[in-house]
C-alpha cells in the first residue's frame, strides 16, 4: 500500500526539530561570511508572510533578516526560507480551495529586488493579477530579467 502524501498544510505544520541556529561552515562562509545561521521552522516563515498587509510587500531577504534578529543569528538560511515560503503559498492555495478565508497572502512576498516568484501557485501571471488588484504596478520581465514590482522599495514592510 502506497504511503499517503502529506497535504501542504501538514508540511507547513511539521517543524522537524526547527528552528535551530547553526554555525556557518567553511564552505558556506565563502558566500555568507562567518557567524551563525538560523534554520527556521516553516510556520515561522508563514507567520511573517501573514503579517504583510494589503498594499505592502516583503522579500525573502527581509524575512531572513527578521528571522536572524529573532533568533540572535547572523543570517537566516536562504534555502529553507525560500522553500518554506513556497510551502506556505501552496498551503494557502490548498486552504482557499476549501473555502477558508484567512489565508497567507503569499503573493506579497517577493524575491530579492522586487522580483515576482514564478514558483508560486499560478506563477507570475497569478501573482501579477493579485498585486495589480492591490495597487502595485508590475514591470514585465525582458529576456533574463524577471517581472518585478515597480518601486518596490517604497512599499516594503
N, C-alpha and C. Protein backbone atom coordinates (compact mmCIF):
# COMPACT_ATOMS: atom_id res chain seq x y z
N UNK A 1 0.84 -1.18 0.00
CA UNK A 1 0.00 0.00 0.00
C UNK A 1 0.88 1.24 0.00
N UNK A 2 0.59 2.16 -0.90
CA UNK A 2 1.40 3.38 -1.01
C UNK A 2 1.14 4.30 0.18
N UNK A 3 2.21 4.98 0.59
CA UNK A 3 2.11 5.93 1.70
C UNK A 3 1.34 7.16 1.21
N UNK A 4 0.40 7.62 2.02
CA UNK A 4 -0.39 8.79 1.64
C UNK A 4 0.47 10.04 1.76
N UNK A 5 0.39 10.89 0.76
CA UNK A 5 1.18 12.12 0.76
C UNK A 5 0.61 13.11 1.77
N UNK A 6 1.52 13.86 2.37
CA UNK A 6 1.10 14.92 3.30
C UNK A 6 0.52 16.07 2.49
N UNK A 7 -0.47 16.72 3.07
CA UNK A 7 -1.01 17.93 2.44
C UNK A 7 0.01 19.05 2.65
N UNK A 8 -0.16 20.14 1.91
CA UNK A 8 0.74 21.29 2.07
C UNK A 8 0.61 21.88 3.46
N UNK A 9 -0.61 21.87 4.00
CA UNK A 9 -0.80 22.40 5.36
C UNK A 9 -0.13 21.51 6.40
N UNK A 10 -0.12 20.20 6.17
CA UNK A 10 0.61 19.30 7.08
C UNK A 10 2.11 19.55 6.99
N UNK A 11 2.60 19.78 5.78
CA UNK A 11 4.03 20.08 5.60
C UNK A 11 4.39 21.39 6.30
N UNK A 12 3.50 22.37 6.22
CA UNK A 12 3.73 23.66 6.85
C UNK A 12 3.79 23.51 8.38
N UNK A 13 2.96 22.65 8.92
CA UNK A 13 2.88 22.47 10.38
C UNK A 13 4.00 21.58 10.94
N UNK A 14 4.69 20.85 10.07
CA UNK A 14 5.72 19.91 10.52
C UNK A 14 7.04 20.66 10.69
N UNK A 15 7.52 20.76 11.93
CA UNK A 15 8.70 21.60 12.19
C UNK A 15 10.04 20.86 12.18
N UNK A 16 10.06 19.54 12.15
CA UNK A 16 11.32 18.78 12.04
C UNK A 16 12.41 19.26 13.01
N UNK A 17 12.09 19.49 14.24
CA UNK A 17 13.05 19.98 15.24
C UNK A 17 13.61 21.36 14.91
N UNK A 18 12.84 22.14 14.18
CA UNK A 18 13.26 23.50 13.83
C UNK A 18 12.44 24.47 14.67
N UNK A 19 12.89 25.66 14.90
CA UNK A 19 14.10 26.29 14.36
C UNK A 19 15.35 25.83 15.11
N UNK A 20 16.47 26.01 14.44
CA UNK A 20 17.75 25.77 15.10
C UNK A 20 18.78 26.73 14.53
N UNK A 21 19.73 27.11 15.38
CA UNK A 21 20.81 28.01 14.98
C UNK A 21 22.07 27.18 14.86
N UNK A 22 22.73 27.29 13.71
CA UNK A 22 23.94 26.51 13.44
C UNK A 22 25.09 27.44 13.05
N UNK A 23 26.30 26.94 13.22
CA UNK A 23 27.49 27.69 12.79
C UNK A 23 27.53 27.71 11.27
N UNK A 24 27.98 28.81 10.71
CA UNK A 24 28.19 28.89 9.26
C UNK A 24 29.49 28.15 8.99
N UNK A 25 29.43 27.11 8.16
CA UNK A 25 30.59 26.26 7.90
C UNK A 25 31.56 26.91 6.91
N UNK A 26 32.75 26.32 6.81
CA UNK A 26 33.79 26.86 5.92
C UNK A 26 33.29 27.10 4.50
N UNK A 27 32.64 26.10 3.91
CA UNK A 27 32.18 26.23 2.53
C UNK A 27 31.13 27.34 2.41
N UNK A 28 30.20 27.39 3.36
CA UNK A 28 29.16 28.42 3.33
C UNK A 28 29.72 29.80 3.62
N UNK A 29 30.78 29.88 4.41
CA UNK A 29 31.31 31.19 4.81
C UNK A 29 31.89 31.95 3.62
N UNK A 30 32.26 31.24 2.55
CA UNK A 30 32.76 31.92 1.36
C UNK A 30 31.68 32.83 0.78
N UNK A 31 30.44 32.41 0.88
CA UNK A 31 29.35 33.22 0.33
C UNK A 31 28.66 34.07 1.39
N UNK A 32 28.50 33.55 2.60
CA UNK A 32 27.68 34.20 3.61
C UNK A 32 28.46 34.82 4.76
N UNK A 33 29.77 34.65 4.79
CA UNK A 33 30.56 35.20 5.88
C UNK A 33 30.57 34.27 7.08
N UNK A 34 31.04 34.76 8.20
CA UNK A 34 31.14 33.92 9.39
C UNK A 34 30.02 34.24 10.37
N UNK A 35 29.86 33.37 11.33
CA UNK A 35 28.84 33.58 12.35
C UNK A 35 27.89 32.41 12.43
N UNK A 36 26.61 32.73 12.66
CA UNK A 36 25.59 31.69 12.80
C UNK A 36 24.44 31.92 11.84
N UNK A 37 23.73 30.84 11.58
CA UNK A 37 22.59 30.89 10.66
C UNK A 37 21.41 30.21 11.32
N UNK A 38 20.25 30.84 11.26
CA UNK A 38 19.05 30.20 11.78
C UNK A 38 18.36 29.45 10.63
N UNK A 39 18.04 28.20 10.91
CA UNK A 39 17.22 27.40 10.01
C UNK A 39 15.82 27.46 10.63
N UNK A 40 14.92 28.21 10.01
CA UNK A 40 13.61 28.46 10.64
C UNK A 40 12.68 27.25 10.54
N UNK A 41 11.63 27.30 11.33
CA UNK A 41 10.53 26.35 11.19
C UNK A 41 9.61 26.90 10.10
N UNK A 42 8.95 26.04 9.35
CA UNK A 42 8.06 26.52 8.28
C UNK A 42 7.01 27.51 8.77
N UNK A 43 6.43 27.27 9.94
CA UNK A 43 5.38 28.15 10.47
C UNK A 43 5.90 29.55 10.79
N UNK A 44 7.20 29.67 11.12
CA UNK A 44 7.77 30.99 11.39
C UNK A 44 7.77 31.84 10.12
N UNK A 45 8.11 31.21 9.00
CA UNK A 45 8.13 31.91 7.72
C UNK A 45 6.69 32.32 7.37
N UNK A 46 5.76 31.39 7.53
CA UNK A 46 4.35 31.68 7.25
C UNK A 46 3.84 32.81 8.13
N UNK A 47 4.20 32.81 9.39
CA UNK A 47 3.75 33.84 10.34
C UNK A 47 4.18 35.24 9.88
N UNK A 48 5.41 35.37 9.40
CA UNK A 48 5.91 36.67 8.92
C UNK A 48 5.17 37.06 7.64
N UNK A 49 4.96 36.10 6.75
CA UNK A 49 4.26 36.37 5.49
C UNK A 49 2.82 36.82 5.76
N UNK A 50 2.18 36.27 6.77
CA UNK A 50 0.79 36.61 7.11
C UNK A 50 0.64 38.06 7.57
N UNK A 51 1.71 38.63 8.09
CA UNK A 51 1.65 39.99 8.66
C UNK A 51 1.78 41.10 7.62
N UNK A 52 1.99 40.75 6.36
CA UNK A 52 2.16 41.77 5.32
C UNK A 52 0.76 42.23 4.88
N UNK A 53 0.42 43.51 5.17
CA UNK A 53 -0.93 43.99 4.85
C UNK A 53 -1.09 44.32 3.36
N UNK A 54 -2.32 44.41 2.94
CA UNK A 54 -2.62 44.80 1.56
C UNK A 54 -1.96 46.14 1.27
N UNK A 55 -1.37 46.25 0.07
CA UNK A 55 -0.69 47.48 -0.32
C UNK A 55 0.80 47.48 0.00
N UNK A 56 1.23 46.52 0.81
CA UNK A 56 2.65 46.39 1.17
C UNK A 56 3.19 45.10 0.59
N UNK A 57 4.50 44.98 0.57
CA UNK A 57 5.15 43.73 0.15
C UNK A 57 6.35 43.48 1.06
N UNK A 58 6.86 42.29 1.00
CA UNK A 58 8.12 41.96 1.65
C UNK A 58 8.93 41.10 0.69
N UNK A 59 10.16 40.81 1.05
CA UNK A 59 11.00 39.94 0.23
C UNK A 59 11.50 38.79 1.09
N UNK A 60 11.95 37.75 0.44
CA UNK A 60 12.55 36.62 1.15
C UNK A 60 13.71 37.12 2.00
N UNK A 61 14.51 38.04 1.48
CA UNK A 61 15.65 38.55 2.25
C UNK A 61 15.19 39.29 3.50
N UNK A 62 14.09 40.03 3.41
CA UNK A 62 13.57 40.72 4.60
C UNK A 62 13.10 39.70 5.63
N UNK A 63 12.47 38.64 5.18
CA UNK A 63 12.04 37.58 6.09
C UNK A 63 13.27 36.95 6.76
N UNK A 64 14.31 36.71 5.99
CA UNK A 64 15.55 36.14 6.54
C UNK A 64 16.15 37.06 7.61
N UNK A 65 16.13 38.36 7.35
CA UNK A 65 16.66 39.33 8.33
C UNK A 65 15.83 39.30 9.62
N UNK A 66 14.52 39.23 9.48
CA UNK A 66 13.63 39.17 10.64
C UNK A 66 13.90 37.91 11.46
N UNK A 67 14.05 36.79 10.78
CA UNK A 67 14.33 35.53 11.46
C UNK A 67 15.68 35.57 12.18
N UNK A 68 16.69 36.13 11.53
CA UNK A 68 18.03 36.22 12.14
C UNK A 68 17.96 37.05 13.42
N UNK A 69 17.27 38.20 13.36
CA UNK A 69 17.12 39.05 14.56
C UNK A 69 16.40 38.30 15.68
N UNK A 70 15.32 37.64 15.32
CA UNK A 70 14.50 36.92 16.30
C UNK A 70 15.33 35.87 17.05
N UNK A 71 16.23 35.20 16.34
CA UNK A 71 16.99 34.09 16.93
C UNK A 71 18.42 34.47 17.31
N UNK A 72 18.77 35.74 17.15
CA UNK A 72 20.12 36.17 17.50
C UNK A 72 21.19 35.55 16.62
N UNK A 73 20.85 35.30 15.37
CA UNK A 73 21.79 34.69 14.41
C UNK A 73 22.31 35.76 13.46
N UNK A 74 23.41 35.45 12.79
CA UNK A 74 23.99 36.38 11.83
C UNK A 74 23.09 36.50 10.59
N UNK A 75 22.60 35.35 10.10
CA UNK A 75 21.75 35.33 8.90
C UNK A 75 20.63 34.30 9.07
N UNK A 76 19.62 34.43 8.24
CA UNK A 76 18.58 33.41 8.11
C UNK A 76 18.92 32.54 6.92
N UNK A 77 18.65 31.27 7.00
CA UNK A 77 19.00 30.33 5.93
C UNK A 77 18.26 30.69 4.64
N UNK A 78 19.01 30.98 3.58
CA UNK A 78 18.36 31.36 2.32
C UNK A 78 17.57 30.22 1.68
N UNK A 79 18.10 29.01 1.77
CA UNK A 79 17.44 27.88 1.10
C UNK A 79 16.13 27.50 1.78
N UNK A 80 16.18 27.25 3.09
CA UNK A 80 14.96 26.81 3.76
C UNK A 80 13.92 27.92 3.82
N UNK A 81 14.34 29.16 3.95
CA UNK A 81 13.36 30.26 3.98
C UNK A 81 12.58 30.29 2.66
N UNK A 82 13.28 30.16 1.54
CA UNK A 82 12.62 30.14 0.24
C UNK A 82 11.71 28.93 0.07
N UNK A 83 12.18 27.78 0.50
CA UNK A 83 11.37 26.56 0.40
C UNK A 83 10.11 26.69 1.26
N UNK A 84 10.28 27.20 2.48
CA UNK A 84 9.13 27.32 3.38
C UNK A 84 8.14 28.38 2.90
N UNK A 85 8.62 29.42 2.24
CA UNK A 85 7.70 30.41 1.65
C UNK A 85 6.86 29.74 0.56
N UNK A 86 7.48 28.88 -0.21
CA UNK A 86 6.78 28.16 -1.26
C UNK A 86 5.75 27.19 -0.66
N UNK A 87 6.11 26.51 0.41
CA UNK A 87 5.17 25.62 1.09
C UNK A 87 4.00 26.43 1.65
N UNK A 88 4.29 27.60 2.24
CA UNK A 88 3.24 28.47 2.76
C UNK A 88 2.27 28.88 1.65
N UNK A 89 2.81 29.18 0.47
CA UNK A 89 1.98 29.57 -0.67
C UNK A 89 1.06 28.42 -1.09
N UNK A 90 1.60 27.23 -1.17
CA UNK A 90 0.80 26.08 -1.58
C UNK A 90 -0.24 25.71 -0.51
N UNK A 91 0.14 25.86 0.76
CA UNK A 91 -0.80 25.60 1.85
C UNK A 91 -1.95 26.61 1.80
N UNK A 92 -1.64 27.86 1.47
CA UNK A 92 -2.67 28.90 1.36
C UNK A 92 -3.64 28.56 0.22
N UNK A 93 -3.12 28.15 -0.90
CA UNK A 93 -3.98 27.78 -2.03
C UNK A 93 -4.83 26.57 -1.68
N UNK A 94 -4.23 25.61 -0.99
CA UNK A 94 -4.96 24.43 -0.54
C UNK A 94 -6.13 24.85 0.36
N UNK A 95 -5.86 25.75 1.29
CA UNK A 95 -6.89 26.25 2.21
C UNK A 95 -7.98 27.01 1.44
N UNK A 96 -7.57 27.77 0.43
CA UNK A 96 -8.53 28.55 -0.34
C UNK A 96 -9.49 27.63 -1.11
N UNK A 97 -8.98 26.51 -1.60
CA UNK A 97 -9.86 25.58 -2.33
C UNK A 97 -10.91 24.98 -1.41
N UNK A 98 -10.62 25.00 -0.10
CA UNK A 98 -11.59 24.51 0.88
C UNK A 98 -12.38 25.67 1.50
N UNK A 99 -12.36 26.81 0.81
CA UNK A 99 -13.14 27.99 1.17
C UNK A 99 -12.75 28.64 2.49
N UNK A 100 -11.52 28.40 2.94
CA UNK A 100 -11.05 29.10 4.15
C UNK A 100 -10.81 30.55 3.78
N UNK A 101 -11.09 31.44 4.71
CA UNK A 101 -10.99 32.88 4.44
C UNK A 101 -9.64 33.47 4.82
N UNK A 102 -9.11 33.12 5.96
CA UNK A 102 -7.90 33.75 6.48
C UNK A 102 -6.65 33.01 5.99
N UNK A 103 -6.27 33.27 4.73
CA UNK A 103 -5.11 32.58 4.19
C UNK A 103 -3.89 33.52 4.15
N UNK A 104 -2.73 32.92 4.05
CA UNK A 104 -1.49 33.69 3.95
C UNK A 104 -1.44 34.40 2.60
N UNK A 105 -1.26 35.73 2.60
CA UNK A 105 -1.18 36.48 1.33
C UNK A 105 0.22 36.35 0.71
N UNK A 106 0.53 35.15 0.28
CA UNK A 106 1.88 34.82 -0.19
C UNK A 106 2.33 35.65 -1.39
N UNK A 107 1.39 36.13 -2.20
CA UNK A 107 1.74 36.91 -3.39
C UNK A 107 2.43 38.22 -3.01
N UNK A 108 2.34 38.62 -1.76
CA UNK A 108 3.01 39.85 -1.29
C UNK A 108 4.46 39.60 -0.90
N UNK A 109 4.92 38.36 -0.95
CA UNK A 109 6.31 38.03 -0.65
C UNK A 109 7.04 37.84 -1.97
N UNK A 110 8.02 38.71 -2.21
CA UNK A 110 8.75 38.70 -3.48
C UNK A 110 10.16 38.16 -3.29
N UNK A 111 10.78 37.89 -4.40
CA UNK A 111 12.19 37.53 -4.37
C UNK A 111 12.99 38.84 -4.20
N UNK A 112 14.30 38.72 -4.14
CA UNK A 112 15.11 39.94 -3.97
C UNK A 112 14.90 40.87 -5.16
N UNK A 113 15.14 42.14 -4.94
CA UNK A 113 14.97 43.17 -5.98
C UNK A 113 13.54 43.30 -6.49
N UNK A 114 12.56 42.87 -5.69
CA UNK A 114 11.17 43.05 -6.07
C UNK A 114 10.67 42.12 -7.15
N UNK A 115 11.39 41.03 -7.39
CA UNK A 115 11.02 40.10 -8.46
C UNK A 115 9.86 39.21 -8.05
N UNK A 116 8.96 38.96 -9.01
CA UNK A 116 7.85 38.05 -8.76
C UNK A 116 8.39 36.62 -8.71
N UNK A 117 7.64 35.73 -8.08
CA UNK A 117 8.09 34.35 -7.89
C UNK A 117 7.32 33.40 -8.80
N UNK A 118 7.98 32.93 -9.83
CA UNK A 118 7.34 32.03 -10.81
C UNK A 118 6.97 30.68 -10.21
N UNK A 119 7.52 30.36 -9.04
CA UNK A 119 7.24 29.06 -8.43
C UNK A 119 5.99 29.06 -7.54
N UNK A 120 5.40 30.22 -7.31
CA UNK A 120 4.16 30.27 -6.53
C UNK A 120 3.02 29.70 -7.36
N UNK A 121 1.96 29.22 -6.69
CA UNK A 121 0.81 28.71 -7.45
C UNK A 121 0.29 29.76 -8.43
N UNK A 122 0.03 29.35 -9.65
CA UNK A 122 -0.45 30.28 -10.67
C UNK A 122 0.66 31.05 -11.35
N UNK A 123 1.88 30.92 -10.86
CA UNK A 123 3.04 31.55 -11.49
C UNK A 123 2.99 33.07 -11.49
N UNK A 124 3.80 33.65 -12.37
CA UNK A 124 3.92 35.10 -12.50
C UNK A 124 2.57 35.74 -12.84
N UNK A 125 1.79 35.06 -13.70
CA UNK A 125 0.52 35.62 -14.13
C UNK A 125 -0.42 35.86 -12.95
N UNK A 126 -0.58 34.86 -12.10
CA UNK A 126 -1.48 34.98 -10.95
C UNK A 126 -0.97 36.02 -9.96
N UNK A 127 0.33 36.02 -9.71
CA UNK A 127 0.90 36.99 -8.78
C UNK A 127 0.72 38.40 -9.32
N UNK A 128 0.88 38.57 -10.62
CA UNK A 128 0.68 39.88 -11.26
C UNK A 128 -0.75 40.37 -11.05
N UNK A 129 -1.72 39.49 -11.28
CA UNK A 129 -3.13 39.86 -11.12
C UNK A 129 -3.41 40.28 -9.68
N UNK A 130 -2.94 39.50 -8.72
CA UNK A 130 -3.23 39.78 -7.31
C UNK A 130 -2.56 41.09 -6.86
N UNK A 131 -1.31 41.29 -7.25
CA UNK A 131 -0.59 42.50 -6.84
C UNK A 131 -1.16 43.75 -7.52
N UNK A 132 -1.54 43.63 -8.77
CA UNK A 132 -2.14 44.75 -9.51
C UNK A 132 -3.46 45.15 -8.86
N UNK A 133 -4.24 44.15 -8.46
CA UNK A 133 -5.52 44.38 -7.78
C UNK A 133 -5.31 45.16 -6.47
N UNK A 134 -4.13 45.00 -5.87
CA UNK A 134 -3.83 45.68 -4.60
C UNK A 134 -3.12 47.02 -4.83
N UNK A 135 -3.02 47.44 -6.10
CA UNK A 135 -2.49 48.76 -6.38
C UNK A 135 -1.03 48.84 -6.81
N UNK A 136 -0.38 47.71 -6.97
CA UNK A 136 1.02 47.72 -7.39
C UNK A 136 1.13 47.73 -8.91
N UNK A 137 2.21 48.32 -9.40
CA UNK A 137 2.49 48.31 -10.84
C UNK A 137 3.57 47.27 -11.09
N UNK A 138 3.33 46.40 -12.06
CA UNK A 138 4.29 45.35 -12.38
C UNK A 138 5.04 45.72 -13.65
N UNK A 139 6.37 45.68 -13.55
CA UNK A 139 7.22 45.88 -14.72
C UNK A 139 7.45 44.51 -15.34
N UNK A 140 7.00 44.29 -16.57
CA UNK A 140 7.17 42.98 -17.19
C UNK A 140 8.66 42.66 -17.37
N UNK A 141 8.98 41.38 -17.29
CA UNK A 141 10.35 40.94 -17.48
C UNK A 141 10.75 41.02 -18.94
N UNK A 142 12.05 41.20 -19.15
CA UNK A 142 12.59 41.24 -20.52
C UNK A 142 13.81 40.34 -20.56
N UNK A 143 13.81 39.39 -21.48
CA UNK A 143 14.95 38.49 -21.57
C UNK A 143 15.11 37.69 -20.29
N UNK A 144 16.30 37.77 -19.70
CA UNK A 144 16.55 37.03 -18.46
C UNK A 144 16.13 37.81 -17.22
N UNK A 145 15.71 39.07 -17.41
CA UNK A 145 15.27 39.87 -16.27
C UNK A 145 13.81 39.54 -15.95
N UNK A 146 13.55 39.10 -14.71
CA UNK A 146 12.17 38.72 -14.36
C UNK A 146 11.26 39.93 -14.12
N UNK A 147 9.95 39.66 -14.16
CA UNK A 147 8.97 40.69 -13.82
C UNK A 147 9.17 41.10 -12.37
N UNK A 148 8.89 42.39 -12.09
CA UNK A 148 9.07 42.89 -10.73
C UNK A 148 8.07 43.99 -10.41
N UNK A 149 7.92 44.26 -9.11
CA UNK A 149 7.05 45.34 -8.67
C UNK A 149 7.84 46.64 -8.82
N UNK A 150 7.23 47.59 -9.53
CA UNK A 150 7.87 48.89 -9.76
C UNK A 150 7.98 49.63 -8.42
N UNK A 151 9.16 50.21 -8.19
CA UNK A 151 9.42 50.97 -6.95
C UNK A 151 9.07 50.18 -5.70
N UNK A 152 9.39 48.89 -5.69
CA UNK A 152 9.01 48.02 -4.58
C UNK A 152 9.57 48.50 -3.23
N UNK A 153 10.72 49.20 -3.28
CA UNK A 153 11.35 49.67 -2.04
C UNK A 153 10.42 50.59 -1.26
N UNK A 154 9.54 51.32 -1.99
CA UNK A 154 8.64 52.29 -1.35
C UNK A 154 7.47 51.63 -0.62
N UNK A 155 7.21 50.35 -0.91
CA UNK A 155 6.08 49.67 -0.27
C UNK A 155 6.52 48.47 0.56
N UNK A 156 7.81 48.40 0.85
CA UNK A 156 8.31 47.31 1.70
C UNK A 156 7.77 47.45 3.11
N UNK A 157 7.42 46.34 3.69
CA UNK A 157 7.01 46.37 5.09
C UNK A 157 8.25 46.19 5.93
